[in-house]
PDB file of N, CA and C in Angstrom:
ATOM      1  N   MET A   1       0.995  -1.079  -0.165  1.00  0.00           N
ATOM      2  CA  MET A   1       0.150  -0.038  -0.171  1.00  0.00           C
ATOM      3  C   MET A   1       0.822   1.321   0.105  1.00  0.00           C
ATOM      4  N   ALA A   2       1.810   1.308   0.884  1.00  0.00           N
ATOM      5  CA  ALA A   2       2.756   2.482   1.082  1.00  0.00           C
ATOM      6  C   ALA A   2       3.643   2.625  -0.408  1.00  0.00           C
ATOM      7  N   ALA A   3       3.891   1.433  -0.908  1.00  0.00           N
ATOM      8  CA  ALA A   3       4.856   1.578  -2.084  1.00  0.00           C
ATOM      9  C   ALA A   3       3.910   1.922  -3.200  1.00  0.00           C
ATOM     10  N   ASP A   4       2.657   1.797  -3.366  1.00  0.00           N
ATOM     11  CA  ASP A   4       1.855   2.118  -4.383  1.00  0.00           C
ATOM     12  C   ASP A   4       1.714   3.513  -4.329  1.00  0.00           C
ATOM     13  N   LYS A   5       1.444   4.169  -3.017  1.00  0.00           N
ATOM     14  CA  LYS A   5       1.326   5.684  -2.817  1.00  0.00           C
ATOM     15  C   LYS A   5       2.609   6.418  -3.376  1.00  0.00           C
ATOM     16  N   THR A   6       3.860   5.792  -3.032  1.00  0.00           N
ATOM     17  CA  THR A   6       5.101   6.291  -3.287  1.00  0.00           C
ATOM     18  C   THR A   6       5.350   6.308  -4.856  1.00  0.00           C
ATOM     19  N   HIS A   7       4.773   5.266  -5.432  1.00  0.00           N
ATOM     20  CA  HIS A   7       4.874   5.012  -6.930  1.00  0.00           C
ATOM     21  C   HIS A   7       4.158   6.113  -7.817  1.00  0.00           C
ATOM     22  N   ARG A   8       2.839   6.423  -7.168  1.00  0.00           N
ATOM     23  CA  ARG A   8       2.006   7.180  -7.613  1.00  0.00           C
ATOM     24  C   ARG A   8       2.566   8.618  -7.569  1.00  0.00           C
ATOM     25  N   GLY A   9       2.976   9.087  -6.427  1.00  0.00           N
ATOM     26  CA  GLY A   9       3.695  10.286  -6.146  1.00  0.00           C
ATOM     27  C   GLY A   9       4.642  10.470  -7.154  1.00  0.00           C
ATOM     28  N   HIS A  10       5.631   9.552  -7.385  1.00  0.00           N
ATOM     29  CA  HIS A  10       6.847   9.765  -8.331  1.00  0.00           C
ATOM     30  C   HIS A  10       6.178   9.651  -9.613  1.00  0.00           C
ATOM     31  N   ALA A  11       5.133   9.174 -10.129  1.00  0.00           N
ATOM     32  CA  ALA A  11       4.458   9.249 -11.293  1.00  0.00           C
ATOM     33  C   ALA A  11       4.118  10.723 -11.841  1.00  0.00           C
ATOM     34  N   ILE A  12       3.475  11.259 -10.764  1.00  0.00           N
ATOM     35  CA  ILE A  12       2.813  12.598 -10.867  1.00  0.00           C
ATOM     36  C   ILE A  12       4.230  13.640 -11.011  1.00  0.00           C
ATOM     37  N   ILE A  13       5.159  13.519 -10.252  1.00  0.00           N
ATOM     38  CA  ILE A  13       6.286  14.529 -10.417  1.00  0.00           C
ATOM     39  C   ILE A  13       6.836  14.375 -11.681  1.00  0.00           C
ATOM     40  N   GLU A  14       7.154  13.064 -12.164  1.00  0.00           N
ATOM     41  CA  GLU A  14       7.632  12.766 -13.598  1.00  0.00           C
ATOM     42  C   GLU A  14       6.911  13.201 -14.525  1.00  0.00           C
ATOM     43  N   GLN A  15       5.594  13.603 -14.506  1.00  0.00           N
ATOM     44  CA  GLN A  15       4.732  13.876 -15.511  1.00  0.00           C
ATOM     45  C   GLN A  15       4.879  15.365 -15.552  1.00  0.00           C
ATOM     46  N   VAL A  16       5.258  16.091 -14.270  1.00  0.00           N
ATOM     47  CA  VAL A  16       5.367  17.382 -14.356  1.00  0.00           C
ATOM     48  C   VAL A  16       6.575  17.957 -14.986  1.00  0.00           C
ATOM     49  N   HIS A  17       7.638  17.065 -14.437  1.00  0.00           N
ATOM     50  CA  HIS A  17       9.007  17.340 -15.108  1.00  0.00           C
ATOM     51  C   HIS A  17       9.029  17.146 -16.799  1.00  0.00           C
ATOM     52  N   ALA A  18       8.243  16.096 -17.111  1.00  0.00           N
ATOM     53  CA  ALA A  18       8.176  15.955 -18.794  1.00  0.00           C
ATOM     54  C   ALA A  18       7.503  17.103 -19.246  1.00  0.00           C
ATOM     55  N   ASP A  19       6.444  17.531 -18.702  1.00  0.00           N
ATOM     56  CA  ASP A  19       5.613  18.814 -19.227  1.00  0.00           C
ATOM     57  C   ASP A  19       6.440  19.900 -19.110  1.00  0.00           C
ATOM     58  N   LEU A  20       7.367  20.285 -18.026  1.00  0.00           N
ATOM     59  CA  LEU A  20       8.065  21.514 -18.060  1.00  0.00           C
ATOM     60  C   LEU A  20       9.210  21.358 -19.160  1.00  0.00           C
ATOM     61  N   LYS A  21       9.863  20.091 -19.202  1.00  0.00           N
ATOM     62  CA  LYS A  21      10.867  19.973 -20.315  1.00  0.00           C
ATOM     63  C   LYS A  21      10.365  19.975 -21.672  1.00  0.00           C
ATOM     64  N   HIS A  22       9.216  19.797 -21.990  1.00  0.00           N
ATOM     65  CA  HIS A  22       8.716  20.120 -23.287  1.00  0.00           C
ATOM     66  C   HIS A  22       8.215  21.429 -23.567  1.00  0.00           C
ATOM     67  N   SER A  23       8.145  22.151 -22.566  1.00  0.00           N
ATOM     68  CA  SER A  23       7.792  23.646 -22.718  1.00  0.00           C
ATOM     69  C   SER A  23       8.657  24.481 -22.341  1.00  0.00           C
ATOM     70  N   ALA A  24       8.610  25.288 -21.223  1.00  0.00           N
ATOM     71  CA  ALA A  24       9.667  26.476 -20.919  1.00  0.00           C
ATOM     72  C   ALA A  24      10.974  25.927 -20.604  1.00  0.00           C
ATOM     73  N   LEU A  25      11.294  24.840 -20.260  1.00  0.00           N
ATOM     74  CA  LEU A  25      12.718  24.248 -19.673  1.00  0.00           C
ATOM     75  C   LEU A  25      13.320  23.802 -21.053  1.00  0.00           C
ATOM     76  N   ALA A  26      12.823  23.703 -22.080  1.00  0.00           N
ATOM     77  CA  ALA A  26      13.497  23.218 -23.353  1.00  0.00           C
ATOM     78  C   ALA A  26      14.775  23.833 -23.783  1.00  0.00           C
ATOM     79  N   HIS A  27      14.893  25.030 -23.263  1.00  0.00           N
ATOM     80  CA  HIS A  27      15.955  25.847 -23.645  1.00  0.00           C
ATOM     81  C   HIS A  27      17.194  25.848 -22.606  1.00  0.00           C
ATOM     82  N   LEU A  28      17.004  25.215 -21.563  1.00  0.00           N
ATOM     83  CA  LEU A  28      18.294  25.086 -20.612  1.00  0.00           C
ATOM     84  C   LEU A  28      19.057  24.182 -21.034  1.00  0.00           C
ATOM     85  N   PRO A  29      20.334  24.308 -20.584  1.00  0.00           N
ATOM     86  CA  PRO A  29      21.113  25.384 -19.794  1.00  0.00           C
ATOM     87  C   PRO A  29      21.460  26.372 -20.850  1.00  0.00           C
ATOM     88  N   SER A  30      21.680  27.597 -20.014  1.00  0.00           N
ATOM     89  CA  SER A  30      22.231  28.772 -20.957  1.00  0.00           C
ATOM     90  C   SER A  30      23.585  29.049 -20.737  1.00  0.00           C
ATOM     91  N   GLY A  31      24.220  28.312 -19.671  1.00  0.00           N
ATOM     92  CA  GLY A  31      25.575  28.643 -19.483  1.00  0.00           C
ATOM     93  C   GLY A  31      25.822  29.443 -18.277  1.00  0.00           C
ATOM     94  N   LYS A  32      24.745  30.413 -17.853  1.00  0.00           N
ATOM     95  CA  LYS A  32      24.804  31.223 -16.774  1.00  0.00           C
ATOM     96  C   LYS A  32      23.868  30.836 -15.695  1.00  0.00           C
ATOM     97  N   PHE A  33      24.333  30.715 -14.493  1.00  0.00           N
ATOM     98  CA  PHE A  33      23.424  30.140 -13.302  1.00  0.00           C
ATOM     99  C   PHE A  33      22.245  31.113 -12.993  1.00  0.00           C
ATOM    100  N   ALA A  34      22.475  32.296 -13.186  1.00  0.00           N
ATOM    101  CA  ALA A  34      21.526  33.295 -12.744  1.00  0.00           C
ATOM    102  C   ALA A  34      20.338  33.358 -14.095  1.00  0.00           C
ATOM    103  N   ALA A  35      20.724  32.999 -15.151  1.00  0.00           N
ATOM    104  CA  ALA A  35      19.748  32.916 -16.188  1.00  0.00           C
ATOM    105  C   ALA A  35      19.119  31.858 -16.160  1.00  0.00           C
ATOM    106  N   ASN A  36      19.571  30.670 -15.829  1.00  0.00           N
ATOM    107  CA  ASN A  36      18.930  29.274 -15.491  1.00  0.00           C
ATOM    108  C   ASN A  36      17.887  29.297 -14.394  1.00  0.00           C
ATOM    109  N   ALA A  37      18.557  30.025 -13.277  1.00  0.00           N
ATOM    110  CA  ALA A  37      17.661  30.144 -12.192  1.00  0.00           C
ATOM    111  C   ALA A  37      16.489  30.929 -12.492  1.00  0.00           C
ATOM    112  N   ALA A  38      16.356  32.077 -13.063  1.00  0.00           N
ATOM    113  CA  ALA A  38      15.527  33.064 -13.214  1.00  0.00           C
ATOM    114  C   ALA A  38      14.445  32.210 -14.391  1.00  0.00           C
ATOM    115  N   ARG A  39      14.953  31.386 -15.462  1.00  0.00           N
ATOM    116  CA  ARG A  39      14.062  30.844 -16.165  1.00  0.00           C
ATOM    117  C   ARG A  39      13.331  29.658 -15.337  1.00  0.00           C
ATOM    118  N   LEU A  40      13.991  28.957 -14.481  1.00  0.00           N
ATOM    119  CA  LEU A  40      13.423  28.012 -13.782  1.00  0.00           C
ATOM    120  C   LEU A  40      12.251  28.626 -13.020  1.00  0.00           C
ATOM    121  N   VAL A  41      12.476  29.618 -12.250  1.00  0.00           N
ATOM    122  CA  VAL A  41      11.481  30.276 -11.454  1.00  0.00           C
ATOM    123  C   VAL A  41      10.250  30.852 -12.377  1.00  0.00           C
ATOM    124  N   LEU A  42      10.587  31.473 -13.459  1.00  0.00           N
ATOM    125  CA  LEU A  42       9.534  31.988 -14.276  1.00  0.00           C
ATOM    126  C   LEU A  42       8.664  30.629 -15.004  1.00  0.00           C
ATOM    127  N   ALA A  43       9.357  29.486 -15.384  1.00  0.00           N
ATOM    128  CA  ALA A  43       8.715  28.447 -15.783  1.00  0.00           C
ATOM    129  C   ALA A  43       7.786  27.852 -14.878  1.00  0.00           C
ATOM    130  N   VAL A  44       8.194  27.601 -13.579  1.00  0.00           N
ATOM    131  CA  VAL A  44       7.392  27.012 -12.590  1.00  0.00           C
ATOM    132  C   VAL A  44       6.003  27.830 -12.259  1.00  0.00           C
ATOM    133  N   MET A  45       6.297  29.231 -12.425  1.00  0.00           N
ATOM    134  CA  MET A  45       5.387  30.256 -12.049  1.00  0.00           C
ATOM    135  C   MET A  45       4.353  30.123 -13.264  1.00  0.00           C
ATOM    136  N   ALA A  46       4.525  30.131 -14.460  1.00  0.00           N
ATOM    137  CA  ALA A  46       3.958  29.867 -15.633  1.00  0.00           C
ATOM    138  C   ALA A  46       3.229  28.576 -15.583  1.00  0.00           C
ATOM    139  N   PHE A  47       3.735  27.498 -15.295  1.00  0.00           N
ATOM    140  CA  PHE A  47       3.297  26.047 -15.158  1.00  0.00           C
ATOM    141  C   PHE A  47       2.032  26.366 -14.283  1.00  0.00           C
ATOM    142  N   ASN A  48       2.289  26.709 -13.086  1.00  0.00           N
ATOM    143  CA  ASN A  48       1.141  26.893 -12.058  1.00  0.00           C
ATOM    144  C   ASN A  48       0.230  27.784 -12.473  1.00  0.00           C
ATOM    145  N   LEU A  49       0.275  28.816 -13.055  1.00  0.00           N
ATOM    146  CA  LEU A  49      -0.790  29.573 -13.430  1.00  0.00           C
ATOM    147  C   LEU A  49      -1.539  28.957 -14.493  1.00  0.00           C
ATOM    148  N   THR A  50      -1.155  28.084 -15.333  1.00  0.00           N
ATOM    149  CA  THR A  50      -1.546  27.505 -16.597  1.00  0.00           C
ATOM    150  C   THR A  50      -2.506  26.597 -15.952  1.00  0.00           C
ATOM    151  N   ARG A  51      -1.740  25.697 -14.831  1.00  0.00           N
ATOM    152  CA  ARG A  51      -2.575  24.696 -14.066  1.00  0.00           C
ATOM    153  C   ARG A  51      -3.959  25.056 -13.510  1.00  0.00           C
ATOM    154  N   ALA A  52      -3.583  26.490 -12.792  1.00  0.00           N
ATOM    155  CA  ALA A  52      -4.822  26.913 -12.122  1.00  0.00           C
ATOM    156  C   ALA A  52      -5.777  27.448 -13.206  1.00  0.00           C
ATOM    157  N   ALA A  53      -5.546  28.158 -14.311  1.00  0.00           N
ATOM    158  CA  ALA A  53      -6.386  28.481 -15.359  1.00  0.00           C
ATOM    159  C   ALA A  53      -7.235  27.244 -15.906  1.00  0.00           C
ATOM    160  N   ALA A  54      -6.468  26.154 -16.172  1.00  0.00           N
ATOM    161  CA  ALA A  54      -7.161  24.831 -16.683  1.00  0.00           C
ATOM    162  C   ALA A  54      -8.079  24.359 -15.690  1.00  0.00           C
ATOM    163  N   THR A  55      -7.743  24.275 -14.460  1.00  0.00           N
ATOM    164  CA  THR A  55      -8.770  23.863 -13.397  1.00  0.00           C
ATOM    165  C   THR A  55      -9.955  24.589 -13.237  1.00  0.00           C
ATOM    166  N   LEU A  56      -9.825  25.823 -13.450  1.00  0.00           N
ATOM    167  CA  LEU A  56     -11.164  26.757 -13.493  1.00  0.00           C
ATOM    168  C   LEU A  56     -11.965  26.627 -14.725  1.00  0.00           C
ATOM    169  N   THR A  57     -11.369  26.215 -15.943  1.00  0.00           N
ATOM    170  CA  THR A  57     -12.163  26.408 -17.099  1.00  0.00           C
ATOM    171  C   THR A  57     -13.075  24.815 -17.152  1.00  0.00           C
ATOM    172  N   SER A  58     -12.537  23.813 -17.016  1.00  0.00           N
ATOM    173  CA  SER A  58     -13.142  22.385 -17.170  1.00  0.00           C
ATOM    174  C   SER A  58     -12.555  21.250 -16.800  1.00  0.00           C
ATOM    175  N   PRO A  59     -13.328  20.517 -16.271  1.00  0.00           N
ATOM    176  CA  PRO A  59     -12.626  19.208 -15.661  1.00  0.00           C
ATOM    177  C   PRO A  59     -11.856  18.455 -16.689  1.00  0.00           C
ATOM    178  N   GLY A  60     -12.083  18.713 -18.040  1.00  0.00           N
ATOM    179  CA  GLY A  60     -11.346  17.917 -18.954  1.00  0.00           C
ATOM    180  C   GLY A  60     -10.042  18.410 -19.280  1.00  0.00           C
ATOM    181  N   LEU A  61      -9.870  19.763 -18.877  1.00  0.00           N
ATOM    182  CA  LEU A  61      -8.477  20.283 -18.984  1.00  0.00           C
ATOM    183  C   LEU A  61      -7.657  20.225 -17.870  1.00  0.00           C
ATOM    184  N   ALA A  62      -8.321  20.030 -16.739  1.00  0.00           N
ATOM    185  CA  ALA A  62      -7.540  19.899 -15.389  1.00  0.00           C
ATOM    186  C   ALA A  62      -6.367  19.017 -15.657  1.00  0.00           C
ATOM    187  N   LYS A  63      -6.369  17.969 -16.243  1.00  0.00           N
ATOM    188  CA  LYS A  63      -5.133  17.193 -16.294  1.00  0.00           C
ATOM    189  C   LYS A  63      -4.409  17.026 -17.677  1.00  0.00           C
ATOM    190  N   ALA A  64      -4.841  18.110 -18.538  1.00  0.00           N
ATOM    191  CA  ALA A  64      -4.051  18.223 -19.790  1.00  0.00           C
ATOM    192  C   ALA A  64      -2.721  18.688 -19.676  1.00  0.00           C
ATOM    193  N   THR A  65      -1.757  18.492 -20.568  1.00  0.00           N
ATOM    194  CA  THR A  65      -0.491  19.029 -20.862  1.00  0.00           C
ATOM    195  C   THR A  65      -0.680  20.549 -20.866  1.00  0.00           C
ATOM    196  N   THR A  66       0.478  21.147 -20.753  1.00  0.00           N
ATOM    197  CA  THR A  66       0.664  22.635 -20.861  1.00  0.00           C
ATOM    198  C   THR A  66       0.207  22.876 -22.472  1.00  0.00           C
ATOM    199  N   ALA A  67       0.873  22.311 -23.180  1.00  0.00           N
ATOM    200  CA  ALA A  67       0.727  22.518 -24.711  1.00  0.00           C
ATOM    201  C   ALA A  67      -0.616  22.404 -25.088  1.00  0.00           C
ATOM    202  N   THR A  68      -1.598  21.471 -24.307  1.00  0.00           N
ATOM    203  CA  THR A  68      -2.904  21.291 -24.645  1.00  0.00           C
ATOM    204  C   THR A  68      -3.586  22.562 -24.348  1.00  0.00           C
ATOM    205  N   ILE A  69      -3.427  23.054 -22.955  1.00  0.00           N
ATOM    206  CA  ILE A  69      -3.993  24.161 -22.301  1.00  0.00           C
ATOM    207  C   ILE A  69      -3.821  25.209 -23.224  1.00  0.00           C
ATOM    208  N   ARG A  70      -2.659  25.590 -23.520  1.00  0.00           N
ATOM    209  CA  ARG A  70      -2.165  26.657 -24.258  1.00  0.00           C
ATOM    210  C   ARG A  70      -3.019  26.701 -25.667  1.00  0.00           C
ATOM    211  N   ARG A  71      -2.883  25.733 -26.222  1.00  0.00           N
ATOM    212  CA  ARG A  71      -3.535  25.740 -27.664  1.00  0.00           C
ATOM    213  C   ARG A  71      -5.234  25.871 -27.458  1.00  0.00           C
ATOM    214  N   LYS A  72      -5.595  25.117 -26.568  1.00  0.00           N
ATOM    215  CA  LYS A  72      -7.240  25.392 -26.458  1.00  0.00           C
ATOM    216  C   LYS A  72      -7.729  26.623 -25.497  1.00  0.00           C
ATOM    217  N   VAL A  73      -6.927  27.087 -24.684  1.00  0.00           N
ATOM    218  CA  VAL A  73      -7.354  28.422 -23.782  1.00  0.00           C
ATOM    219  C   VAL A  73      -6.807  29.444 -24.068  1.00  0.00           C
ATOM    220  N   ILE A  74      -5.514  29.367 -24.039  1.00  0.00           N
ATOM    221  CA  ILE A  74      -4.624  30.500 -23.940  1.00  0.00           C
ATOM    222  C   ILE A  74      -4.478  31.353 -25.235  1.00  0.00           C
ATOM    223  N   THR A  75      -4.104  30.461 -26.105  1.00  0.00           N
ATOM    224  CA  THR A  75      -4.122  31.071 -27.642  1.00  0.00           C
ATOM    225  C   THR A  75      -5.448  31.284 -28.276  1.00  0.00           C
ATOM    226  N   VAL A  76      -6.044  32.519 -28.219  1.00  0.00           N
ATOM    227  CA  VAL A  76      -7.379  32.790 -28.431  1.00  0.00           C
ATOM    228  C   VAL A  76      -7.344  33.548 -29.745  1.00  0.00           C
ATOM    229  N   PRO A  77      -8.082  32.991 -30.630  1.00  0.00           N
ATOM    230  CA  PRO A  77      -8.121  33.690 -32.153  1.00  0.00           C
ATOM    231  C   PRO A  77      -9.146  34.934 -32.106  1.00  0.00           C
ATOM    232  N   ALA A  78      -8.655  36.004 -31.131  1.00  0.00           N
ATOM    233  CA  ALA A  78      -9.736  36.970 -30.895  1.00  0.00           C
ATOM    234  C   ALA A  78      -9.295  38.432 -31.604  1.00  0.00           C
ATOM    235  N   ARG A  79     -10.199  39.231 -31.548  1.00  0.00           N
ATOM    236  CA  ARG A  79      -9.689  40.654 -31.930  1.00  0.00           C
ATOM    237  C   ARG A  79     -10.116  41.605 -30.861  1.00  0.00           C
ATOM    238  N   VAL A  80      -9.222  42.445 -30.665  1.00  0.00           N
ATOM    239  CA  VAL A  80      -9.373  43.456 -29.500  1.00  0.00           C
ATOM    240  C   VAL A  80      -9.704  44.768 -30.165  1.00  0.00           C
ATOM    241  N   ALA A  81     -10.850  45.447 -29.676  1.00  0.00           N
ATOM    242  CA  ALA A  81     -10.980  46.734 -30.217  1.00  0.00           C
ATOM    243  C   ALA A  81     -11.367  47.602 -29.070  1.00  0.00           C
ATOM    244  N   SER A  82     -10.997  48.965 -29.283  1.00  0.00           N
ATOM    245  CA  SER A  82     -11.224  49.886 -28.242  1.00  0.00           C
ATOM    246  C   SER A  82     -11.858  51.008 -28.762  1.00  0.00           C
ATOM    247  N   SER A  83     -12.822  51.435 -27.979  1.00  0.00           N
ATOM    248  CA  SER A  83     -13.750  52.631 -28.499  1.00  0.00           C
ATOM    249  C   SER A  83     -14.417  53.312 -27.266  1.00  0.00           C
ATOM    250  N   ALA A  84     -14.191  54.554 -27.330  1.00  0.00           N
ATOM    251  CA  ALA A  84     -14.779  55.511 -26.119  1.00  0.00           C
ATOM    252  C   ALA A  84     -14.282  54.912 -24.759  1.00  0.00           C
ATOM    253  N   ARG A  85     -12.853  54.835 -24.659  1.00  0.00           N
ATOM    254  CA  ARG A  85     -12.278  54.216 -23.430  1.00  0.00           C
ATOM    255  C   ARG A  85     -12.600  52.961 -23.023  1.00  0.00           C
ATOM    256  N   ARG A  86     -13.064  52.162 -23.955  1.00  0.00           N
ATOM    257  CA  ARG A  86     -13.419  50.913 -23.460  1.00  0.00           C
ATOM    258  C   ARG A  86     -12.929  49.899 -24.179  1.00  0.00           C
ATOM    259  N   VAL A  87     -12.198  48.618 -23.792  1.00  0.00           N
ATOM    260  CA  VAL A  87     -11.672  47.727 -24.457  1.00  0.00           C
ATOM    261  C   VAL A  87     -12.631  46.662 -24.600  1.00  0.00           C
ATOM    262  N   THR A  88     -12.770  46.014 -25.896  1.00  0.00           N
ATOM    263  CA  THR A  88     -13.763  45.044 -26.105  1.00  0.00           C
ATOM    264  C   THR A  88     -12.813  43.917 -26.829  1.00  0.00           C
ATOM    265  N   LEU A  89     -13.199  42.510 -26.361  1.00  0.00           N
ATOM    266  CA  LEU A  89     -12.673  41.248 -27.029  1.00  0.00           C
ATOM    267  C   LEU A  89     -13.683  40.818 -27.671  1.00  0.00           C
ATOM    268  N   HIS A  90     -13.463  40.463 -29.004  1.00  0.00           N
ATOM    269  CA  HIS A  90     -14.436  39.952 -29.847  1.00  0.00           C
ATOM    270  C   HIS A  90     -13.847  38.549 -30.150  1.00  0.00           C
ATOM    271  N   LEU A  91     -14.531  37.395 -29.592  1.00  0.00           N
ATOM    272  CA  LEU A  91     -14.202  36.082 -29.697  1.00  0.00           C
ATOM    273  C   LEU A  91     -14.749  35.490 -31.025  1.00  0.00           C
ATOM    274  N   PRO A  92     -14.256  34.588 -31.524  1.00  0.00           N
ATOM    275  CA  PRO A  92     -14.718  34.042 -32.806  1.00  0.00           C
ATOM    276  C   PRO A  92     -16.165  33.486 -32.601  1.00  0.00           C
ATOM    277  N   ALA A  93     -16.818  33.427 -33.856  1.00  0.00           N
ATOM    278  CA  ALA A  93     -18.176  32.915 -33.669  1.00  0.00           C
ATOM    279  C   ALA A  93     -18.057  31.369 -33.729  1.00  0.00           C
ATOM    280  N   HIS A  94     -18.938  30.796 -32.910  1.00  0.00           N
ATOM    281  CA  HIS A  94     -18.950  29.351 -33.055  1.00  0.00           C
ATOM    282  C   HIS A  94     -17.586  28.598 -32.618  1.00  0.00           C
ATOM    283  N   TRP A  95     -16.782  29.477 -31.899  1.00  0.00           N
ATOM    284  CA  TRP A  95     -15.653  28.824 -31.269  1.00  0.00           C
ATOM    285  C   TRP A  95     -15.952  27.787 -30.192  1.00  0.00           C
ATOM    286  N   PRO A  96     -15.363  26.594 -30.237  1.00  0.00           N
ATOM    287  CA  PRO A  96     -15.764  25.501 -29.179  1.00  0.00           C
ATOM    288  C   PRO A  96     -15.480  25.899 -27.886  1.00  0.00           C
ATOM    289  N   ARG A  97     -14.370  26.621 -27.513  1.00  0.00           N
ATOM    290  CA  ARG A  97     -13.976  26.855 -26.289  1.00  0.00           C
ATOM    291  C   ARG A  97     -14.494  28.193 -25.551  1.00  0.00           C
ATOM    292  N   GLU A  98     -15.608  28.876 -26.318  1.00  0.00           N
ATOM    293  CA  GLU A  98     -16.078  30.153 -25.707  1.00  0.00           C
ATOM    294  C   GLU A  98     -16.419  30.130 -24.485  1.00  0.00           C
ATOM    295  N   THR A  99     -17.221  29.154 -24.180  1.00  0.00           N
ATOM    296  CA  THR A  99     -17.809  28.933 -22.758  1.00  0.00           C
ATOM    297  C   THR A  99     -16.652  28.627 -21.716  1.00  0.00           C
ATOM    298  N   ASP A 100     -15.611  27.868 -21.979  1.00  0.00           N
ATOM    299  CA  ASP A 100     -14.461  27.840 -20.934  1.00  0.00           C
ATOM    300  C   ASP A 100     -13.808  28.976 -20.817  1.00  0.00           C
ATOM    301  N   TRP A 101     -13.657  29.696 -22.084  1.00  0.00           N
ATOM    302  CA  TRP A 101     -12.856  30.826 -21.720  1.00  0.00           C
ATOM    303  C   TRP A 101     -13.525  32.043 -20.995  1.00  0.00           C
ATOM    304  N   SER A 102     -14.849  32.040 -21.270  1.00  0.00           N
ATOM    305  CA  SER A 102     -15.720  33.023 -20.527  1.00  0.00           C
ATOM    306  C   SER A 102     -15.890  32.758 -19.124  1.00  0.00           C
ATOM    307  N   ASP A 103     -15.959  31.447 -18.826  1.00  0.00           N
ATOM    308  CA  ASP A 103     -16.079  31.079 -17.207  1.00  0.00           C
ATOM    309  C   ASP A 103     -14.681  31.626 -16.828  1.00  0.00           C
ATOM    310  N   LEU A 104     -13.564  31.254 -17.557  1.00  0.00           N
ATOM    311  CA  LEU A 104     -12.265  31.413 -17.000  1.00  0.00           C
ATOM    312  C   LEU A 104     -12.103  33.005 -16.554  1.00  0.00           C
ATOM    313  N   PHE A 105     -12.519  33.813 -17.504  1.00  0.00           N
ATOM    314  CA  PHE A 105     -12.459  35.330 -17.471  1.00  0.00           C
ATOM    315  C   PHE A 105     -13.418  35.754 -16.165  1.00  0.00           C
ATOM    316  N   THR A 106     -14.610  35.194 -16.166  1.00  0.00           N
ATOM    317  CA  THR A 106     -15.351  35.638 -15.176  1.00  0.00           C
ATOM    318  C   THR A 106     -15.059  35.246 -13.717  1.00  0.00           C
ATOM    319  N   ARG A 107     -14.511  34.015 -13.601  1.00  0.00           N
ATOM    320  CA  ARG A 107     -13.792  33.568 -12.164  1.00  0.00           C
ATOM    321  C   ARG A 107     -12.589  34.357 -11.888  1.00  0.00           C
ATOM    322  N   ALA A 108     -11.571  34.785 -12.848  1.00  0.00           N
ATOM    323  CA  ALA A 108     -10.589  35.719 -12.643  1.00  0.00           C
ATOM    324  C   ALA A 108     -10.771  37.115 -12.548  1.00  0.00           C
ATOM    325  N   CYS A 109     -11.573  37.661 -13.251  1.00  0.00           N
ATOM    326  CA  CYS A 109     -11.740  38.888 -13.324  1.00  0.00           C
ATOM    327  C   CYS A 109     -13.177  39.704 -12.809  1.00  0.00           C
ATOM    328  N   GLY A 110     -14.038  38.744 -12.580  1.00  0.00           N
ATOM    329  CA  GLY A 110     -15.319  39.301 -12.228  1.00  0.00           C
ATOM    330  C   GLY A 110     -16.211  39.247 -13.345  1.00  0.00           C
ATOM    331  N   ARG A 111     -17.510  39.544 -13.259  1.00  0.00           N
ATOM    332  CA  ARG A 111     -18.370  39.863 -14.288  1.00  0.00           C
ATOM    333  C   ARG A 111     -18.046  41.332 -15.079  1.00  0.00           C
ATOM    334  N   PRO A 112     -18.113  41.379 -16.299  1.00  0.00           N
ATOM    335  CA  PRO A 112     -17.755  42.478 -17.103  1.00  0.00           C
ATOM    336  C   PRO A 112     -19.082  43.395 -16.928  1.00  0.00           C
ATOM    337  N   PRO A 113     -18.790  44.725 -16.778  1.00  0.00           N
ATOM    338  CA  PRO A 113     -20.080  45.626 -16.394  1.00  0.00           C
ATOM    339  C   PRO A 113     -20.996  45.582 -17.731  1.00  0.00           C
ATOM    340  N   PRO A 114     -22.278  45.856 -17.481  1.00  0.00           N
ATOM    341  CA  PRO A 114     -23.212  45.753 -18.549  1.00  0.00           C
ATOM    342  C   PRO A 114     -22.893  46.751 -19.583  1.00  0.00           C
ATOM    343  N   THR A 115     -23.431  46.274 -20.824  1.00  0.00           N
ATOM    344  CA  THR A 115     -23.246  47.376 -21.805  1.00  0.00           C
ATOM    345  C   THR A 115     -24.263  48.487 -21.759  1.00  0.00           C
ATOM    346  N   PRO A 116     -24.087  49.514 -21.776  1.00  0.00           N
ATOM    347  CA  PRO A 116     -25.138  50.667 -21.853  1.00  0.00           C
ATOM    348  C   PRO A 116     -25.684  50.609 -23.073  1.00  0.00           C
ATOM    349  N   THR A 117     -27.019  50.731 -22.808  1.00  0.00           N
ATOM    350  CA  THR A 117     -28.022  50.932 -23.934  1.00  0.00           C
ATOM    351  C   THR A 117     -28.161  52.511 -24.312  1.00  0.00           C
ATOM    352  N   ALA A 118     -28.312  52.682 -25.611  1.00  0.00           N
ATOM    353  CA  ALA A 118     -28.589  53.964 -25.914  1.00  0.00           C
ATOM    354  C   ALA A 118     -30.156  54.353 -26.284  1.00  0.00           C
TER     355      ALA A 118
END
C-alpha cells in the first residue's frame, strides 16, 4: 500500500518534469547560473498559473498538458477593439472553447460591466 502511494507520487512528479521539459525548460542550460535560475522560477510560475487556469475552465482540461491548455484556452483567435475608452474582446463565432474561456475570465476578473443601451 505504501509502495503504491510512493509510486503514484513519483509518477505525478515525473509527468510535471516531462511537461516542463517539453515547454519552458526546453532551452536550458544557458551557461549562466542566474539566467537558468530565473528561467526555472518563471517556468514554474507559468506552469502553476496555467494549471490553475485549466482547473477553473473545465474538468477535462484539469489534467491536460501545458501545450494542450495553451492551444485550447490561452492562444485565443480573438480581435481586440477599443472605443470610447472601453476595450472589447471579440471572440470568434462558434468557437468551441468560448464557454470555457468566458468562465475563466469571469472567475478571474469578475463579471464584465453591463453594456449601456442608448
